[in-house]
Amino acid sequence: MKCKSVNLLEKLSLWDETMQIYRDSFPEWEREDELTLLKNLKSGQYKIFVSLCDAEVIGFYILDISKQLHYTLFSFLAVKESYRDEGIGSKLCLESIEFFQKNDAVKYLLIEAEPRQAQLYKKLGFQSLEIDYRVPKFDSDESVTMDLLCMSKAKKLPKNNLKKIVEDIFTRGYTLSKSDIRVIKQLERI
C-alpha cells in the first residue's frame, strides 16, 4: 500500500471522504461544525493533512495555528476504523510534531486528550500540564475533563502564557465569549 500525506487545502476533492472519517470518529459534542472547519482551512487558521493510501483517505489531523500567541493546537486526529491499530495515528502525530519543529514561529504544540490517548502522546514527547482542564462541548454548555499536554521549544510554558493560550483556545477555537462561565472557571483553575 502506497501512502502519502496531503495538505487538504491543495486537494479539496478529498473533503467529503475526510469529513466522513471525522463524523465516524468523534461524537457530536466533540465535533466542530464542518463549515467552520472549511472556513478556517481556507483562511489559513487551520492546516488539515490527510493520509492518502492508494487513492483512499485513511486518516487526517488538524492543526489550529495561532500566530499571535505562537502556539499550535493539535485539534483532531482520526484514522478510518478499518485501518486502526496499524500505527497510522502515531505516524500522523509524528508528522504534526515535525511540522511544529520546522515552524520557527510556533513555540508550543498543545493537544487536548482523553487519558488513553494522552498515554500515546506522552510516549511521543508531550508533557502533561497537570491542570484541571475541562473542554467545552460544541453542542451544549457542558464540559468534559481531559488532559492538556504540551511540547515546547522553550524550557517551560509560563503560567501567564498558558492562561492566554487557554483563553484563546476557548474563545477562538470553541467560540465562547470571555464572559462564558466555562472560560472564567478554566482560567481560575490554572
N, C-alpha and C. Protein backbone atom coordinates (compact mmCIF):
# COMPACT_ATOMS: atom_id res chain seq x y z
N MET A 1 0.84 -1.17 0.00
CA MET A 1 0.00 0.00 0.00
C MET A 1 0.90 1.24 0.00
N LYS A 2 0.69 2.10 -0.97
CA LYS A 2 1.48 3.32 -1.10
C LYS A 2 0.71 4.47 -0.46
N CYS A 3 1.34 5.13 0.54
CA CYS A 3 0.69 6.20 1.28
C CYS A 3 1.49 7.49 1.20
N LYS A 4 0.76 8.60 1.27
CA LYS A 4 1.42 9.91 1.32
C LYS A 4 0.53 10.86 2.10
N SER A 5 1.15 11.90 2.64
CA SER A 5 0.42 12.94 3.36
C SER A 5 0.12 14.07 2.40
N VAL A 6 -1.11 14.55 2.43
CA VAL A 6 -1.56 15.59 1.50
C VAL A 6 -2.19 16.73 2.29
N ASN A 7 -1.82 17.96 1.93
CA ASN A 7 -2.46 19.13 2.51
C ASN A 7 -3.86 19.24 1.90
N LEU A 8 -4.89 19.14 2.72
CA LEU A 8 -6.26 19.11 2.21
C LEU A 8 -6.61 20.37 1.44
N LEU A 9 -6.03 21.49 1.79
CA LEU A 9 -6.31 22.74 1.07
C LEU A 9 -5.90 22.62 -0.39
N GLU A 10 -4.87 21.83 -0.66
CA GLU A 10 -4.39 21.65 -2.03
C GLU A 10 -5.15 20.56 -2.78
N LYS A 11 -6.02 19.83 -2.08
CA LYS A 11 -6.77 18.74 -2.71
C LYS A 11 -8.15 18.65 -2.07
N LEU A 12 -8.94 19.72 -2.24
CA LEU A 12 -10.26 19.80 -1.62
C LEU A 12 -11.23 18.73 -2.12
N SER A 13 -10.90 18.05 -3.20
CA SER A 13 -11.75 16.96 -3.68
C SER A 13 -11.81 15.82 -2.65
N LEU A 14 -10.90 15.82 -1.68
CA LEU A 14 -10.88 14.79 -0.63
C LEU A 14 -11.70 15.20 0.60
N TRP A 15 -12.34 16.36 0.54
CA TRP A 15 -13.06 16.90 1.69
C TRP A 15 -14.14 15.94 2.21
N ASP A 16 -15.03 15.49 1.33
CA ASP A 16 -16.15 14.65 1.78
C ASP A 16 -15.67 13.35 2.43
N GLU A 17 -14.67 12.73 1.83
CA GLU A 17 -14.12 11.48 2.38
C GLU A 17 -13.50 11.73 3.76
N THR A 18 -12.81 12.86 3.90
CA THR A 18 -12.19 13.22 5.17
C THR A 18 -13.25 13.49 6.23
N MET A 19 -14.30 14.22 5.84
CA MET A 19 -15.36 14.55 6.80
C MET A 19 -16.14 13.31 7.23
N GLN A 20 -16.21 12.30 6.38
CA GLN A 20 -16.88 11.07 6.79
C GLN A 20 -16.10 10.39 7.92
N ILE A 21 -14.78 10.38 7.82
CA ILE A 21 -13.95 9.83 8.90
C ILE A 21 -14.13 10.67 10.16
N TYR A 22 -14.20 11.98 10.00
CA TYR A 22 -14.42 12.90 11.12
C TYR A 22 -15.73 12.56 11.84
N ARG A 23 -16.82 12.43 11.08
CA ARG A 23 -18.12 12.11 11.67
C ARG A 23 -18.13 10.73 12.33
N ASP A 24 -17.44 9.78 11.71
CA ASP A 24 -17.40 8.41 12.25
C ASP A 24 -16.52 8.29 13.50
N SER A 25 -15.59 9.21 13.68
CA SER A 25 -14.58 9.09 14.74
C SER A 25 -14.88 9.88 16.00
N PHE A 26 -15.66 10.93 15.89
CA PHE A 26 -15.88 11.81 17.04
C PHE A 26 -17.36 11.94 17.34
N PRO A 27 -17.71 11.93 18.64
CA PRO A 27 -19.12 12.16 19.00
C PRO A 27 -19.52 13.59 18.64
N GLU A 28 -20.80 13.79 18.48
CA GLU A 28 -21.29 15.10 18.04
C GLU A 28 -20.83 16.24 18.95
N TRP A 29 -20.80 16.00 20.26
CA TRP A 29 -20.42 17.08 21.19
C TRP A 29 -18.98 17.54 20.96
N GLU A 30 -18.16 16.67 20.38
CA GLU A 30 -16.74 16.97 20.22
C GLU A 30 -16.43 17.55 18.83
N ARG A 31 -17.39 17.47 17.92
CA ARG A 31 -17.15 17.91 16.54
C ARG A 31 -17.46 19.39 16.35
N GLU A 32 -16.51 20.06 15.76
CA GLU A 32 -16.72 21.43 15.32
C GLU A 32 -17.55 21.38 14.04
N ASP A 33 -18.35 22.40 13.81
CA ASP A 33 -19.16 22.47 12.61
C ASP A 33 -18.27 22.36 11.36
N GLU A 34 -18.68 21.55 10.40
CA GLU A 34 -17.85 21.29 9.22
C GLU A 34 -17.65 22.54 8.34
N LEU A 35 -18.64 23.41 8.28
CA LEU A 35 -18.47 24.66 7.51
C LEU A 35 -17.44 25.56 8.19
N THR A 36 -17.40 25.53 9.53
CA THR A 36 -16.38 26.30 10.25
C THR A 36 -14.99 25.72 9.99
N LEU A 37 -14.90 24.38 9.96
CA LEU A 37 -13.62 23.75 9.62
C LEU A 37 -13.14 24.22 8.25
N LEU A 38 -14.04 24.20 7.28
CA LEU A 38 -13.68 24.60 5.92
C LEU A 38 -13.28 26.07 5.86
N LYS A 39 -14.03 26.93 6.55
CA LYS A 39 -13.70 28.36 6.58
C LYS A 39 -12.32 28.58 7.20
N ASN A 40 -12.04 27.89 8.32
CA ASN A 40 -10.75 28.05 8.98
C ASN A 40 -9.61 27.45 8.16
N LEU A 41 -9.88 26.40 7.40
CA LEU A 41 -8.88 25.84 6.49
C LEU A 41 -8.54 26.85 5.41
N LYS A 42 -9.55 27.43 4.80
CA LYS A 42 -9.34 28.38 3.70
C LYS A 42 -8.69 29.67 4.17
N SER A 43 -8.94 30.07 5.44
CA SER A 43 -8.35 31.31 5.96
C SER A 43 -6.89 31.13 6.39
N GLY A 44 -6.47 29.86 6.53
CA GLY A 44 -5.10 29.60 6.98
C GLY A 44 -4.98 29.38 8.48
N GLN A 45 -6.09 29.55 9.22
CA GLN A 45 -6.04 29.28 10.66
C GLN A 45 -5.83 27.80 10.92
N TYR A 46 -6.40 26.95 10.07
CA TYR A 46 -6.23 25.51 10.20
C TYR A 46 -5.38 24.97 9.07
N LYS A 47 -4.60 23.98 9.42
CA LYS A 47 -3.93 23.13 8.43
C LYS A 47 -4.52 21.75 8.64
N ILE A 48 -5.01 21.14 7.57
CA ILE A 48 -5.55 19.79 7.66
C ILE A 48 -4.74 18.92 6.70
N PHE A 49 -4.15 17.87 7.25
CA PHE A 49 -3.37 16.94 6.45
C PHE A 49 -4.07 15.59 6.46
N VAL A 50 -4.16 14.98 5.29
CA VAL A 50 -4.80 13.67 5.18
C VAL A 50 -3.76 12.63 4.79
N SER A 51 -3.97 11.42 5.26
CA SER A 51 -3.14 10.29 4.86
C SER A 51 -3.88 9.61 3.72
N LEU A 52 -3.28 9.63 2.56
CA LEU A 52 -3.87 9.10 1.34
C LEU A 52 -3.11 7.84 0.95
N CYS A 53 -3.81 6.70 0.95
CA CYS A 53 -3.19 5.42 0.62
C CYS A 53 -3.94 4.80 -0.55
N ASP A 54 -3.21 4.59 -1.65
CA ASP A 54 -3.83 4.02 -2.85
C ASP A 54 -5.12 4.76 -3.20
N ALA A 55 -5.08 6.09 -3.19
CA ALA A 55 -6.19 6.97 -3.55
C ALA A 55 -7.34 6.95 -2.55
N GLU A 56 -7.14 6.39 -1.35
CA GLU A 56 -8.17 6.36 -0.32
C GLU A 56 -7.69 7.15 0.90
N VAL A 57 -8.55 8.03 1.41
CA VAL A 57 -8.24 8.76 2.65
C VAL A 57 -8.42 7.78 3.80
N ILE A 58 -7.35 7.57 4.58
CA ILE A 58 -7.45 6.63 5.71
C ILE A 58 -7.27 7.31 7.06
N GLY A 59 -6.95 8.60 7.04
CA GLY A 59 -6.80 9.33 8.29
C GLY A 59 -6.50 10.79 8.03
N PHE A 60 -6.55 11.57 9.08
CA PHE A 60 -6.25 13.01 8.95
C PHE A 60 -5.91 13.58 10.32
N TYR A 61 -5.35 14.78 10.31
CA TYR A 61 -5.19 15.56 11.54
C TYR A 61 -5.36 17.03 11.22
N ILE A 62 -5.75 17.77 12.24
CA ILE A 62 -6.00 19.21 12.09
C ILE A 62 -5.10 19.96 13.07
N LEU A 63 -4.43 20.98 12.57
CA LEU A 63 -3.63 21.88 13.39
C LEU A 63 -4.29 23.25 13.38
N ASP A 64 -4.57 23.79 14.56
CA ASP A 64 -5.13 25.13 14.72
C ASP A 64 -3.98 26.04 15.12
N ILE A 65 -3.63 26.96 14.23
CA ILE A 65 -2.41 27.75 14.40
C ILE A 65 -2.74 29.17 14.89
N SER A 66 -2.13 29.56 15.99
CA SER A 66 -2.25 30.92 16.50
C SER A 66 -0.90 31.61 16.34
N LYS A 67 -0.80 32.43 15.30
CA LYS A 67 0.45 33.15 15.06
C LYS A 67 0.70 34.19 16.14
N GLN A 68 -0.38 34.80 16.63
CA GLN A 68 -0.25 35.86 17.63
C GLN A 68 0.34 35.34 18.95
N LEU A 69 -0.09 34.17 19.39
CA LEU A 69 0.38 33.63 20.67
C LEU A 69 1.44 32.54 20.49
N HIS A 70 1.86 32.29 19.26
CA HIS A 70 2.97 31.37 18.94
C HIS A 70 2.73 29.93 19.39
N TYR A 71 1.49 29.46 19.21
CA TYR A 71 1.21 28.07 19.54
C TYR A 71 0.38 27.44 18.44
N THR A 72 0.39 26.12 18.43
CA THR A 72 -0.47 25.34 17.55
C THR A 72 -1.18 24.32 18.42
N LEU A 73 -2.50 24.21 18.22
CA LEU A 73 -3.28 23.19 18.91
C LEU A 73 -3.50 22.04 17.93
N PHE A 74 -3.02 20.89 18.31
CA PHE A 74 -3.23 19.66 17.54
C PHE A 74 -4.66 19.23 17.87
N SER A 75 -5.62 19.70 17.03
CA SER A 75 -7.04 19.64 17.38
C SER A 75 -7.68 18.27 17.22
N PHE A 76 -7.50 17.67 16.09
CA PHE A 76 -8.16 16.40 15.81
C PHE A 76 -7.19 15.46 15.11
N LEU A 77 -7.30 14.20 15.44
CA LEU A 77 -6.56 13.12 14.77
C LEU A 77 -7.53 11.96 14.67
N ALA A 78 -7.70 11.44 13.46
CA ALA A 78 -8.61 10.30 13.29
C ALA A 78 -8.09 9.39 12.19
N VAL A 79 -8.33 8.11 12.39
CA VAL A 79 -7.96 7.09 11.41
C VAL A 79 -9.22 6.27 11.12
N LYS A 80 -9.43 5.98 9.86
CA LYS A 80 -10.56 5.16 9.45
C LYS A 80 -10.55 3.85 10.25
N GLU A 81 -11.72 3.43 10.71
CA GLU A 81 -11.80 2.29 11.62
C GLU A 81 -11.09 1.05 11.09
N SER A 82 -11.21 0.76 9.82
CA SER A 82 -10.60 -0.45 9.25
C SER A 82 -9.07 -0.38 9.18
N TYR A 83 -8.48 0.78 9.48
CA TYR A 83 -7.03 0.94 9.44
C TYR A 83 -6.43 1.20 10.82
N ARG A 84 -7.24 1.15 11.86
CA ARG A 84 -6.74 1.42 13.21
C ARG A 84 -5.84 0.29 13.70
N ASP A 85 -5.01 0.60 14.66
CA ASP A 85 -4.05 -0.34 15.27
C ASP A 85 -2.97 -0.79 14.28
N GLU A 86 -2.68 0.05 13.30
CA GLU A 86 -1.61 -0.23 12.34
C GLU A 86 -0.50 0.82 12.43
N GLY A 87 -0.56 1.69 13.45
CA GLY A 87 0.46 2.71 13.63
C GLY A 87 0.25 3.97 12.82
N ILE A 88 -0.88 4.08 12.14
CA ILE A 88 -1.14 5.25 11.29
C ILE A 88 -1.33 6.49 12.15
N GLY A 89 -2.06 6.36 13.27
CA GLY A 89 -2.25 7.51 14.16
C GLY A 89 -0.93 8.04 14.70
N SER A 90 -0.04 7.14 15.08
CA SER A 90 1.28 7.56 15.57
C SER A 90 2.06 8.26 14.47
N LYS A 91 1.97 7.73 13.25
CA LYS A 91 2.67 8.35 12.11
C LYS A 91 2.15 9.76 11.85
N LEU A 92 0.83 9.92 11.90
CA LEU A 92 0.24 11.25 11.69
C LEU A 92 0.65 12.21 12.80
N CYS A 93 0.69 11.71 14.03
CA CYS A 93 1.12 12.55 15.15
C CYS A 93 2.57 12.98 14.97
N LEU A 94 3.42 12.06 14.55
CA LEU A 94 4.83 12.39 14.31
C LEU A 94 4.97 13.44 13.20
N GLU A 95 4.10 13.37 12.19
CA GLU A 95 4.10 14.40 11.14
C GLU A 95 3.79 15.77 11.73
N SER A 96 2.81 15.82 12.65
CA SER A 96 2.46 17.11 13.25
C SER A 96 3.61 17.64 14.09
N ILE A 97 4.33 16.76 14.76
CA ILE A 97 5.50 17.17 15.55
C ILE A 97 6.58 17.71 14.63
N GLU A 98 6.77 17.07 13.49
CA GLU A 98 7.75 17.54 12.52
C GLU A 98 7.37 18.93 12.00
N PHE A 99 6.08 19.14 11.71
CA PHE A 99 5.59 20.46 11.29
C PHE A 99 5.92 21.49 12.36
N PHE A 100 5.67 21.17 13.62
CA PHE A 100 5.95 22.05 14.75
C PHE A 100 7.44 22.37 14.84
N GLN A 101 8.27 21.34 14.73
CA GLN A 101 9.72 21.55 14.87
C GLN A 101 10.29 22.41 13.75
N LYS A 102 9.70 22.35 12.57
CA LYS A 102 10.20 23.13 11.43
C LYS A 102 9.66 24.56 11.40
N ASN A 103 8.62 24.84 12.19
CA ASN A 103 7.98 26.15 12.17
C ASN A 103 8.55 27.00 13.30
N ASP A 104 9.46 27.90 12.95
CA ASP A 104 10.14 28.73 13.95
C ASP A 104 9.20 29.68 14.69
N ALA A 105 8.08 30.05 14.09
CA ALA A 105 7.15 30.99 14.72
C ALA A 105 6.32 30.35 15.82
N VAL A 106 6.29 29.03 15.90
CA VAL A 106 5.48 28.32 16.88
C VAL A 106 6.38 27.80 18.01
N LYS A 107 6.08 28.21 19.24
CA LYS A 107 6.88 27.80 20.40
C LYS A 107 6.27 26.60 21.13
N TYR A 108 4.94 26.44 21.00
CA TYR A 108 4.26 25.40 21.77
C TYR A 108 3.30 24.61 20.87
N LEU A 109 3.33 23.31 21.01
CA LEU A 109 2.37 22.43 20.36
C LEU A 109 1.55 21.80 21.48
N LEU A 110 0.25 22.09 21.49
CA LEU A 110 -0.62 21.58 22.54
C LEU A 110 -1.63 20.59 21.99
N ILE A 111 -2.11 19.74 22.87
CA ILE A 111 -3.14 18.78 22.49
C ILE A 111 -4.03 18.50 23.70
N GLU A 112 -5.33 18.44 23.44
CA GLU A 112 -6.31 18.03 24.44
C GLU A 112 -6.57 16.54 24.21
N ALA A 113 -6.53 15.75 25.27
CA ALA A 113 -6.66 14.30 25.07
C ALA A 113 -7.34 13.62 26.25
N GLU A 114 -8.10 12.59 25.92
CA GLU A 114 -8.65 11.72 26.95
C GLU A 114 -7.49 10.88 27.49
N PRO A 115 -7.62 10.34 28.70
CA PRO A 115 -6.49 9.64 29.34
C PRO A 115 -5.82 8.56 28.48
N ARG A 116 -6.59 7.76 27.77
CA ARG A 116 -5.99 6.70 26.96
C ARG A 116 -5.11 7.28 25.85
N GLN A 117 -5.62 8.30 25.15
CA GLN A 117 -4.83 8.93 24.10
C GLN A 117 -3.64 9.71 24.67
N ALA A 118 -3.82 10.26 25.86
CA ALA A 118 -2.74 11.03 26.49
C ALA A 118 -1.50 10.16 26.67
N GLN A 119 -1.68 8.88 26.96
CA GLN A 119 -0.54 7.98 27.14
C GLN A 119 0.28 7.87 25.85
N LEU A 120 -0.40 7.79 24.71
CA LEU A 120 0.28 7.75 23.41
C LEU A 120 1.07 9.04 23.20
N TYR A 121 0.44 10.18 23.46
CA TYR A 121 1.11 11.46 23.22
C TYR A 121 2.31 11.65 24.14
N LYS A 122 2.21 11.15 25.38
CA LYS A 122 3.35 11.23 26.29
C LYS A 122 4.53 10.41 25.76
N LYS A 123 4.25 9.25 25.18
CA LYS A 123 5.31 8.42 24.59
C LYS A 123 5.98 9.13 23.42
N LEU A 124 5.26 10.03 22.77
CA LEU A 124 5.80 10.76 21.62
C LEU A 124 6.48 12.07 22.02
N GLY A 125 6.52 12.35 23.33
CA GLY A 125 7.26 13.52 23.79
C GLY A 125 6.44 14.66 24.37
N PHE A 126 5.12 14.55 24.39
CA PHE A 126 4.29 15.58 25.01
C PHE A 126 4.36 15.43 26.53
N GLN A 127 4.21 16.54 27.23
CA GLN A 127 4.19 16.51 28.68
C GLN A 127 2.85 17.05 29.17
N SER A 128 2.30 16.39 30.18
CA SER A 128 1.04 16.85 30.76
C SER A 128 1.29 18.16 31.49
N LEU A 129 0.37 19.10 31.34
CA LEU A 129 0.49 20.36 32.05
C LEU A 129 -0.07 20.28 33.47
N GLU A 130 -0.61 19.11 33.83
CA GLU A 130 -1.04 18.83 35.20
C GLU A 130 -1.98 19.89 35.76
N ILE A 131 -2.98 20.27 34.95
CA ILE A 131 -4.01 21.20 35.43
C ILE A 131 -5.37 20.52 35.29
N ASP A 132 -6.33 21.00 36.05
CA ASP A 132 -7.71 20.54 35.94
C ASP A 132 -8.28 21.21 34.69
N TYR A 133 -8.31 20.46 33.60
CA TYR A 133 -8.67 21.03 32.29
C TYR A 133 -9.98 20.44 31.81
N ARG A 134 -10.92 21.32 31.47
CA ARG A 134 -12.26 20.88 31.06
C ARG A 134 -12.60 21.48 29.70
N VAL A 135 -12.77 20.61 28.73
CA VAL A 135 -13.02 21.00 27.35
C VAL A 135 -14.51 21.30 27.15
N PRO A 136 -14.84 22.46 26.59
CA PRO A 136 -16.25 22.76 26.32
C PRO A 136 -16.80 21.85 25.23
N LYS A 137 -18.05 21.45 25.41
CA LYS A 137 -18.73 20.69 24.37
C LYS A 137 -19.23 21.66 23.30
N PHE A 138 -19.18 21.25 22.04
CA PHE A 138 -19.65 22.09 20.95
C PHE A 138 -21.18 22.16 20.90
N ASP A 139 -21.87 21.15 21.43
CA ASP A 139 -23.33 21.09 21.27
C ASP A 139 -24.12 21.39 22.54
N SER A 140 -23.44 21.86 23.60
CA SER A 140 -24.15 22.21 24.84
C SER A 140 -23.27 23.13 25.67
N ASP A 141 -23.77 23.49 26.86
CA ASP A 141 -22.97 24.35 27.74
C ASP A 141 -22.21 23.54 28.79
N GLU A 142 -22.04 22.26 28.53
CA GLU A 142 -21.31 21.38 29.43
C GLU A 142 -19.84 21.31 29.02
N SER A 143 -19.05 20.69 29.90
CA SER A 143 -17.62 20.49 29.64
C SER A 143 -17.24 19.05 29.99
N VAL A 144 -16.09 18.62 29.46
CA VAL A 144 -15.58 17.27 29.69
C VAL A 144 -14.13 17.39 30.15
N THR A 145 -13.77 16.64 31.19
CA THR A 145 -12.40 16.67 31.70
C THR A 145 -11.48 15.93 30.72
N MET A 146 -10.38 16.58 30.37
CA MET A 146 -9.35 15.99 29.52
C MET A 146 -7.99 16.41 30.04
N ASP A 147 -6.95 15.79 29.50
CA ASP A 147 -5.59 16.22 29.79
C ASP A 147 -5.21 17.28 28.75
N LEU A 148 -4.48 18.28 29.19
CA LEU A 148 -3.88 19.24 28.27
C LEU A 148 -2.39 18.96 28.29
N LEU A 149 -1.86 18.61 27.13
CA LEU A 149 -0.45 18.26 27.01
C LEU A 149 0.26 19.26 26.12
N CYS A 150 1.57 19.37 26.30
CA CYS A 150 2.34 20.37 25.56
C CYS A 150 3.71 19.82 25.18
N MET A 151 4.13 20.22 23.99
CA MET A 151 5.50 20.03 23.56
C MET A 151 6.02 21.45 23.36
N SER A 152 7.16 21.75 23.94
CA SER A 152 7.64 23.12 23.96
C SER A 152 9.06 23.25 23.44
N LYS A 153 9.30 24.34 22.72
CA LYS A 153 10.67 24.67 22.31
C LYS A 153 11.36 25.46 23.41
N ALA A 154 10.58 26.03 24.31
CA ALA A 154 11.12 26.74 25.47
C ALA A 154 11.24 25.74 26.61
N LYS A 155 11.91 26.13 27.68
CA LYS A 155 12.08 25.21 28.80
C LYS A 155 10.74 24.88 29.45
N LYS A 156 9.90 25.88 29.61
CA LYS A 156 8.62 25.68 30.28
C LYS A 156 7.62 26.68 29.74
N LEU A 157 6.36 26.30 29.75
CA LEU A 157 5.29 27.20 29.35
C LEU A 157 4.89 28.02 30.58
N PRO A 158 5.23 29.32 30.61
CA PRO A 158 4.90 30.14 31.78
C PRO A 158 3.39 30.19 32.02
N LYS A 159 3.01 30.24 33.28
CA LYS A 159 1.60 30.23 33.67
C LYS A 159 0.81 31.35 32.99
N ASN A 160 1.38 32.54 32.92
CA ASN A 160 0.69 33.67 32.29
C ASN A 160 0.44 33.39 30.80
N ASN A 161 1.42 32.81 30.11
CA ASN A 161 1.25 32.45 28.70
C ASN A 161 0.19 31.36 28.55
N LEU A 162 0.21 30.37 29.46
CA LEU A 162 -0.76 29.30 29.42
C LEU A 162 -2.18 29.85 29.55
N LYS A 163 -2.38 30.80 30.44
CA LYS A 163 -3.71 31.40 30.60
C LYS A 163 -4.15 32.08 29.30
N LYS A 164 -3.26 32.82 28.67
CA LYS A 164 -3.60 33.49 27.41
C LYS A 164 -3.93 32.47 26.32
N ILE A 165 -3.17 31.40 26.28
CA ILE A 165 -3.39 30.36 25.26
C ILE A 165 -4.72 29.66 25.51
N VAL A 166 -5.00 29.28 26.75
CA VAL A 166 -6.26 28.59 27.05
C VAL A 166 -7.44 29.53 26.76
N GLU A 167 -7.32 30.78 27.13
CA GLU A 167 -8.39 31.73 26.81
C GLU A 167 -8.61 31.80 25.30
N ASP A 168 -7.53 31.80 24.54
CA ASP A 168 -7.62 31.83 23.08
C ASP A 168 -8.26 30.55 22.53
N ILE A 169 -7.87 29.41 23.07
CA ILE A 169 -8.47 28.14 22.63
C ILE A 169 -9.97 28.18 22.87
N PHE A 170 -10.38 28.65 24.03
CA PHE A 170 -11.80 28.66 24.38
C PHE A 170 -12.59 29.71 23.60
N THR A 171 -12.00 30.88 23.37
CA THR A 171 -12.75 31.95 22.69
C THR A 171 -12.66 31.85 21.17
N ARG A 172 -11.50 31.59 20.66
CA ARG A 172 -11.33 31.50 19.21
C ARG A 172 -11.68 30.10 18.70
N GLY A 173 -11.20 29.09 19.40
CA GLY A 173 -11.43 27.72 18.96
C GLY A 173 -12.83 27.19 19.25
N TYR A 174 -13.29 27.39 20.48
CA TYR A 174 -14.62 26.90 20.86
C TYR A 174 -15.70 27.98 20.72
N THR A 175 -15.28 29.16 20.27
CA THR A 175 -16.16 30.32 20.02
C THR A 175 -17.00 30.72 21.24
N LEU A 176 -16.40 30.64 22.42
CA LEU A 176 -17.07 31.10 23.63
C LEU A 176 -16.70 32.57 23.87
N SER A 177 -17.57 33.29 24.54
CA SER A 177 -17.23 34.67 24.90
C SER A 177 -16.35 34.64 26.14
N LYS A 178 -15.58 35.70 26.35
CA LYS A 178 -14.70 35.77 27.52
C LYS A 178 -15.51 35.74 28.81
N SER A 179 -16.77 36.12 28.73
CA SER A 179 -17.62 36.13 29.93
C SER A 179 -18.31 34.79 30.18
N ASP A 180 -18.12 33.81 29.30
CA ASP A 180 -18.71 32.48 29.50
C ASP A 180 -18.12 31.88 30.76
N ILE A 181 -18.97 31.31 31.60
CA ILE A 181 -18.53 30.76 32.88
C ILE A 181 -17.48 29.68 32.70
N ARG A 182 -17.51 28.93 31.59
CA ARG A 182 -16.51 27.88 31.36
C ARG A 182 -15.13 28.49 31.14
N VAL A 183 -15.06 29.63 30.48
CA VAL A 183 -13.78 30.33 30.28
C VAL A 183 -13.27 30.84 31.63
N ILE A 184 -14.14 31.51 32.36
CA ILE A 184 -13.76 32.10 33.65
C ILE A 184 -13.26 31.01 34.60
N LYS A 185 -14.04 29.93 34.73
CA LYS A 185 -13.67 28.85 35.66
C LYS A 185 -12.37 28.16 35.24
N GLN A 186 -12.19 27.95 33.93
CA GLN A 186 -10.96 27.29 33.47
C GLN A 186 -9.74 28.15 33.79
N LEU A 187 -9.84 29.44 33.55
CA LEU A 187 -8.70 30.32 33.86
C LEU A 187 -8.40 30.33 35.35
N GLU A 188 -9.42 30.21 36.19
CA GLU A 188 -9.21 30.14 37.64
C GLU A 188 -8.48 28.85 38.03
N ARG A 189 -8.66 27.79 37.25
CA ARG A 189 -8.05 26.50 37.60
C ARG A 189 -6.59 26.40 37.17
N ILE A 190 -6.09 27.40 36.51
CA ILE A 190 -4.68 27.35 36.06
C ILE A 190 -3.78 27.97 37.12
